[in-house]
Structure formats: C-alpha cells, structure tokens
Amino acid sequence: MFNKDMLNKLQAMKQQADESKDRMEALEVSEEAGGGLVRVVLNGNRKILSVEINAELNTLEKEDLEDLLVVAISKAMNKVNEINEKEVMSSAQSLFPGM
C-alpha cells in the first residue's frame, strides 16, 4: 500500500510537525490593551502564559476590565494565528517545493 518513498515523506512530515510544535511552544507573544493597563502573554500553541493587570482594581469598572482583557487576548491570538499560518506554509513548502 505504501512504498518506501511515501513512508519516508510521512516520517519527514511527522518530524517537521513535532519540531514546529516545539518551536511554537517556546514562542511567546505579548499584547496589551488600555495603554498597558492589561497585558497578556500567549505561547505559539495558543496557551495563555500570563495575564497582568497594571492598575488598582478599585479604579476600573468590571465591564471595562473585561473589555480590556478581551482586546488584549484577541490581539495576542491574532498575532499567534498569523505566526502559525506562516509556520504551516513554511513547513508545507519545504516538504512540497513549488507550493
């Protein structure tokens, strides 16, 4: 069913996927909202590593804080998604030249 060439390609794809996952795990993306009032850090695998609130909680309205968190997380997630897309395209091009 599989010839040796296809098996080698599948093994190379798995190895490249594992290496890509490791690179994304080590990558950290930081974004902020509200002029630095809220800062979030995600890794390249979309895991939230930290959330910082750089204001006294009694000075912020609950809804404002929630909005700032959504903005910061969304910005970081968009950046991580762009990086992941580039990583996938790079991996695909190295396995399938001419893409």
N, C-alpha and C. Protein backbone atom coordinates (compact mmCIF):
# COMPACT_ATOMS: atom_id res chain seq x y z
N MET A 1 0.83 -1.18 0.00
CA MET A 1 0.00 0.00 0.00
C MET A 1 0.88 1.26 0.00
N PHE A 2 1.83 1.36 0.95
CA PHE A 2 2.76 2.48 0.98
C PHE A 2 4.10 2.03 0.43
N ASN A 3 4.64 2.82 -0.46
CA ASN A 3 6.00 2.50 -0.90
C ASN A 3 6.98 3.22 0.02
N LYS A 4 8.24 2.90 -0.12
CA LYS A 4 9.26 3.43 0.78
C LYS A 4 9.34 4.95 0.71
N ASP A 5 9.19 5.51 -0.50
CA ASP A 5 9.25 6.96 -0.67
C ASP A 5 8.11 7.65 0.09
N MET A 6 6.92 7.09 0.01
CA MET A 6 5.77 7.68 0.70
C MET A 6 5.95 7.57 2.21
N LEU A 7 6.46 6.45 2.67
CA LEU A 7 6.70 6.27 4.10
C LEU A 7 7.73 7.27 4.60
N ASN A 8 8.78 7.48 3.83
CA ASN A 8 9.80 8.46 4.21
C ASN A 8 9.21 9.87 4.28
N LYS A 9 8.34 10.20 3.31
CA LYS A 9 7.69 11.53 3.32
C LYS A 9 6.81 11.68 4.55
N LEU A 10 6.06 10.63 4.90
CA LEU A 10 5.20 10.69 6.08
C LEU A 10 6.02 10.86 7.36
N GLN A 11 7.14 10.17 7.45
CA GLN A 11 8.01 10.31 8.62
C GLN A 11 8.60 11.72 8.69
N ALA A 12 8.97 12.26 7.52
CA ALA A 12 9.51 13.63 7.49
C ALA A 12 8.43 14.63 7.90
N MET A 13 7.20 14.41 7.47
CA MET A 13 6.10 15.30 7.84
C MET A 13 5.86 15.27 9.34
N LYS A 14 5.89 14.08 9.93
CA LYS A 14 5.68 13.96 11.38
C LYS A 14 6.80 14.64 12.14
N GLN A 15 8.04 14.43 11.70
CA GLN A 15 9.17 15.05 12.37
C GLN A 15 9.07 16.58 12.27
N GLN A 16 8.71 17.07 11.10
CA GLN A 16 8.60 18.51 10.92
C GLN A 16 7.46 19.08 11.77
N ALA A 17 6.35 18.35 11.86
CA ALA A 17 5.23 18.79 12.70
C ALA A 17 5.63 18.84 14.16
N ASP A 18 6.38 17.85 14.62
CA ASP A 18 6.84 17.83 16.00
C ASP A 18 7.79 19.00 16.28
N GLU A 19 8.70 19.27 15.34
CA GLU A 19 9.63 20.37 15.51
C GLU A 19 8.89 21.71 15.51
N SER A 20 7.90 21.83 14.65
CA SER A 20 7.10 23.05 14.59
C SER A 20 6.35 23.27 15.90
N LYS A 21 5.77 22.20 16.43
CA LYS A 21 5.04 22.31 17.69
C LYS A 21 5.98 22.76 18.82
N ASP A 22 7.19 22.21 18.83
CA ASP A 22 8.18 22.61 19.84
C ASP A 22 8.56 24.08 19.70
N ARG A 23 8.76 24.55 18.45
CA ARG A 23 9.09 25.96 18.23
C ARG A 23 7.95 26.86 18.71
N MET A 24 6.73 26.46 18.41
CA MET A 24 5.57 27.26 18.81
C MET A 24 5.38 27.26 20.33
N GLU A 25 5.74 26.15 20.98
CA GLU A 25 5.64 26.08 22.44
C GLU A 25 6.60 27.06 23.09
N ALA A 26 7.77 27.25 22.49
CA ALA A 26 8.79 28.13 23.06
C ALA A 26 8.55 29.60 22.73
N LEU A 27 7.76 29.88 21.72
CA LEU A 27 7.48 31.24 21.29
C LEU A 27 6.53 31.93 22.27
N GLU A 28 6.80 33.18 22.59
CA GLU A 28 5.91 33.95 23.45
C GLU A 28 5.49 35.22 22.72
N VAL A 29 4.18 35.49 22.75
CA VAL A 29 3.61 36.68 22.13
C VAL A 29 2.94 37.49 23.23
N SER A 30 3.27 38.76 23.30
CA SER A 30 2.71 39.64 24.32
C SER A 30 1.93 40.75 23.65
N GLU A 31 0.75 41.03 24.17
CA GLU A 31 -0.07 42.14 23.68
C GLU A 31 -0.70 42.84 24.88
N GLU A 32 -1.04 44.11 24.68
CA GLU A 32 -1.65 44.86 25.77
C GLU A 32 -2.84 45.65 25.26
N ALA A 33 -3.61 46.16 26.20
CA ALA A 33 -4.76 46.99 25.89
C ALA A 33 -4.87 48.08 26.95
N GLY A 34 -5.55 49.15 26.59
CA GLY A 34 -5.75 50.23 27.54
C GLY A 34 -4.46 50.95 27.88
N GLY A 35 -3.58 51.07 26.90
CA GLY A 35 -2.32 51.76 27.16
C GLY A 35 -1.45 51.06 28.17
N GLY A 36 -1.56 49.74 28.22
CA GLY A 36 -0.73 48.96 29.14
C GLY A 36 -1.43 48.58 30.44
N LEU A 37 -2.70 48.93 30.57
CA LEU A 37 -3.42 48.55 31.79
C LEU A 37 -3.55 47.04 31.92
N VAL A 38 -3.70 46.37 30.76
CA VAL A 38 -3.81 44.91 30.74
C VAL A 38 -2.81 44.38 29.74
N ARG A 39 -2.10 43.34 30.13
CA ARG A 39 -1.11 42.70 29.26
C ARG A 39 -1.28 41.20 29.37
N VAL A 40 -1.29 40.51 28.21
CA VAL A 40 -1.38 39.05 28.19
C VAL A 40 -0.21 38.48 27.39
N VAL A 41 0.20 37.29 27.78
CA VAL A 41 1.26 36.59 27.07
C VAL A 41 0.73 35.21 26.71
N LEU A 42 0.82 34.87 25.42
CA LEU A 42 0.44 33.55 24.93
C LEU A 42 1.67 32.90 24.31
N ASN A 43 1.68 31.56 24.30
CA ASN A 43 2.73 30.92 23.52
C ASN A 43 2.19 30.64 22.12
N GLY A 44 3.04 30.14 21.26
CA GLY A 44 2.65 29.90 19.87
C GLY A 44 1.63 28.81 19.69
N ASN A 45 1.39 28.02 20.73
CA ASN A 45 0.35 26.99 20.68
C ASN A 45 -0.95 27.47 21.31
N ARG A 46 -1.08 28.79 21.45
CA ARG A 46 -2.30 29.45 21.92
C ARG A 46 -2.62 29.20 23.40
N LYS A 47 -1.62 28.92 24.17
CA LYS A 47 -1.80 28.73 25.61
C LYS A 47 -1.51 30.06 26.31
N ILE A 48 -2.42 30.50 27.18
CA ILE A 48 -2.21 31.74 27.92
C ILE A 48 -1.17 31.47 29.01
N LEU A 49 -0.07 32.21 28.95
CA LEU A 49 1.01 32.04 29.92
C LEU A 49 0.88 32.99 31.10
N SER A 50 0.40 34.21 30.83
CA SER A 50 0.22 35.15 31.93
C SER A 50 -0.76 36.26 31.54
N VAL A 51 -1.34 36.84 32.57
CA VAL A 51 -2.22 37.99 32.45
C VAL A 51 -1.78 38.98 33.52
N GLU A 52 -1.52 40.22 33.12
CA GLU A 52 -1.12 41.26 34.07
C GLU A 52 -2.15 42.37 34.03
N ILE A 53 -2.56 42.81 35.19
CA ILE A 53 -3.43 43.98 35.31
C ILE A 53 -2.62 45.04 36.01
N ASN A 54 -2.28 46.09 35.29
CA ASN A 54 -1.37 47.13 35.79
C ASN A 54 -2.14 48.35 36.27
N ALA A 55 -3.13 48.11 37.09
CA ALA A 55 -3.93 49.19 37.67
C ALA A 55 -4.56 48.66 38.95
N GLU A 56 -4.92 49.56 39.81
CA GLU A 56 -5.65 49.14 41.01
C GLU A 56 -7.04 48.71 40.58
N LEU A 57 -7.45 47.55 41.05
CA LEU A 57 -8.75 47.02 40.63
C LEU A 57 -9.90 47.93 41.02
N ASN A 58 -9.75 48.67 42.10
CA ASN A 58 -10.84 49.55 42.52
C ASN A 58 -10.96 50.80 41.65
N THR A 59 -10.00 50.99 40.72
CA THR A 59 -10.08 52.14 39.82
C THR A 59 -10.72 51.79 38.48
N LEU A 60 -10.99 50.50 38.26
CA LEU A 60 -11.57 50.05 36.99
C LEU A 60 -12.96 49.50 37.21
N GLU A 61 -13.83 49.81 36.28
CA GLU A 61 -15.15 49.18 36.28
C GLU A 61 -14.99 47.75 35.80
N LYS A 62 -15.81 46.86 36.32
CA LYS A 62 -15.75 45.45 35.94
C LYS A 62 -15.86 45.27 34.43
N GLU A 63 -16.81 45.96 33.81
CA GLU A 63 -17.02 45.83 32.37
C GLU A 63 -15.82 46.35 31.57
N ASP A 64 -15.20 47.42 32.06
CA ASP A 64 -14.02 47.96 31.39
C ASP A 64 -12.86 46.96 31.44
N LEU A 65 -12.66 46.36 32.60
CA LEU A 65 -11.61 45.36 32.74
C LEU A 65 -11.87 44.17 31.82
N GLU A 66 -13.10 43.71 31.78
CA GLU A 66 -13.45 42.59 30.90
C GLU A 66 -13.18 42.95 29.44
N ASP A 67 -13.56 44.17 29.04
CA ASP A 67 -13.31 44.61 27.66
C ASP A 67 -11.82 44.66 27.35
N LEU A 68 -11.04 45.18 28.29
CA LEU A 68 -9.59 45.25 28.08
C LEU A 68 -8.97 43.86 27.95
N LEU A 69 -9.44 42.94 28.77
CA LEU A 69 -8.94 41.56 28.67
C LEU A 69 -9.27 40.94 27.32
N VAL A 70 -10.50 41.15 26.86
CA VAL A 70 -10.90 40.62 25.55
C VAL A 70 -10.04 41.21 24.44
N VAL A 71 -9.80 42.51 24.49
CA VAL A 71 -8.99 43.17 23.46
C VAL A 71 -7.57 42.62 23.47
N ALA A 72 -6.94 42.56 24.63
CA ALA A 72 -5.55 42.09 24.71
C ALA A 72 -5.43 40.63 24.27
N ILE A 73 -6.35 39.78 24.72
CA ILE A 73 -6.29 38.36 24.33
C ILE A 73 -6.53 38.21 22.84
N SER A 74 -7.48 38.96 22.30
CA SER A 74 -7.78 38.87 20.86
C SER A 74 -6.58 39.32 20.03
N LYS A 75 -5.94 40.41 20.43
CA LYS A 75 -4.76 40.88 19.70
C LYS A 75 -3.65 39.83 19.72
N ALA A 76 -3.41 39.26 20.89
CA ALA A 76 -2.36 38.24 21.01
C ALA A 76 -2.73 37.00 20.19
N MET A 77 -3.99 36.60 20.24
CA MET A 77 -4.43 35.43 19.49
C MET A 77 -4.28 35.66 17.98
N ASN A 78 -4.64 36.85 17.51
CA ASN A 78 -4.48 37.17 16.09
C ASN A 78 -3.02 37.09 15.66
N LYS A 79 -2.13 37.61 16.50
CA LYS A 79 -0.70 37.57 16.18
C LYS A 79 -0.20 36.11 16.14
N VAL A 80 -0.63 35.31 17.13
CA VAL A 80 -0.23 33.90 17.17
C VAL A 80 -0.77 33.16 15.95
N ASN A 81 -2.00 33.45 15.56
CA ASN A 81 -2.58 32.79 14.38
C ASN A 81 -1.79 33.12 13.12
N GLU A 82 -1.35 34.37 12.97
CA GLU A 82 -0.53 34.76 11.83
C GLU A 82 0.80 33.99 11.83
N ILE A 83 1.42 33.91 12.99
CA ILE A 83 2.69 33.19 13.10
C ILE A 83 2.49 31.71 12.77
N ASN A 84 1.42 31.12 13.28
CA ASN A 84 1.13 29.71 12.99
C ASN A 84 0.91 29.49 11.51
N GLU A 85 0.19 30.39 10.87
CA GLU A 85 -0.07 30.26 9.43
C GLU A 85 1.24 30.29 8.65
N LYS A 86 2.13 31.20 9.00
CA LYS A 86 3.43 31.28 8.33
C LYS A 86 4.24 30.00 8.58
N GLU A 87 4.17 29.48 9.79
CA GLU A 87 4.89 28.26 10.14
C GLU A 87 4.39 27.08 9.31
N VAL A 88 3.07 26.96 9.18
CA VAL A 88 2.49 25.87 8.40
C VAL A 88 2.88 26.00 6.93
N MET A 89 2.82 27.21 6.40
CA MET A 89 3.18 27.41 4.99
C MET A 89 4.66 27.11 4.76
N SER A 90 5.49 27.51 5.69
CA SER A 90 6.93 27.23 5.57
C SER A 90 7.19 25.73 5.58
N SER A 91 6.52 25.02 6.48
CA SER A 91 6.69 23.57 6.56
C SER A 91 6.21 22.90 5.28
N ALA A 92 5.07 23.34 4.77
CA ALA A 92 4.50 22.75 3.56
C ALA A 92 5.42 23.00 2.37
N GLN A 93 5.98 24.19 2.28
CA GLN A 93 6.86 24.49 1.15
C GLN A 93 8.15 23.69 1.20
N SER A 94 8.64 23.41 2.38
CA SER A 94 9.87 22.62 2.46
C SER A 94 9.61 21.16 2.11
N LEU A 95 8.40 20.66 2.41
CA LEU A 95 8.07 19.28 2.06
C LEU A 95 7.61 19.13 0.62
N PHE A 96 6.95 20.17 0.12
CA PHE A 96 6.38 20.13 -1.23
C PHE A 96 6.85 21.36 -2.00
N PRO A 97 8.08 21.36 -2.48
CA PRO A 97 8.61 22.52 -3.20
C PRO A 97 7.68 22.90 -4.36
N GLY A 98 7.58 24.20 -4.59
CA GLY A 98 6.75 24.68 -5.68
C GLY A 98 5.36 25.07 -5.26
N MET A 99 5.05 24.93 -3.97
CA MET A 99 3.72 25.32 -3.49
C MET A 99 3.60 26.81 -3.45
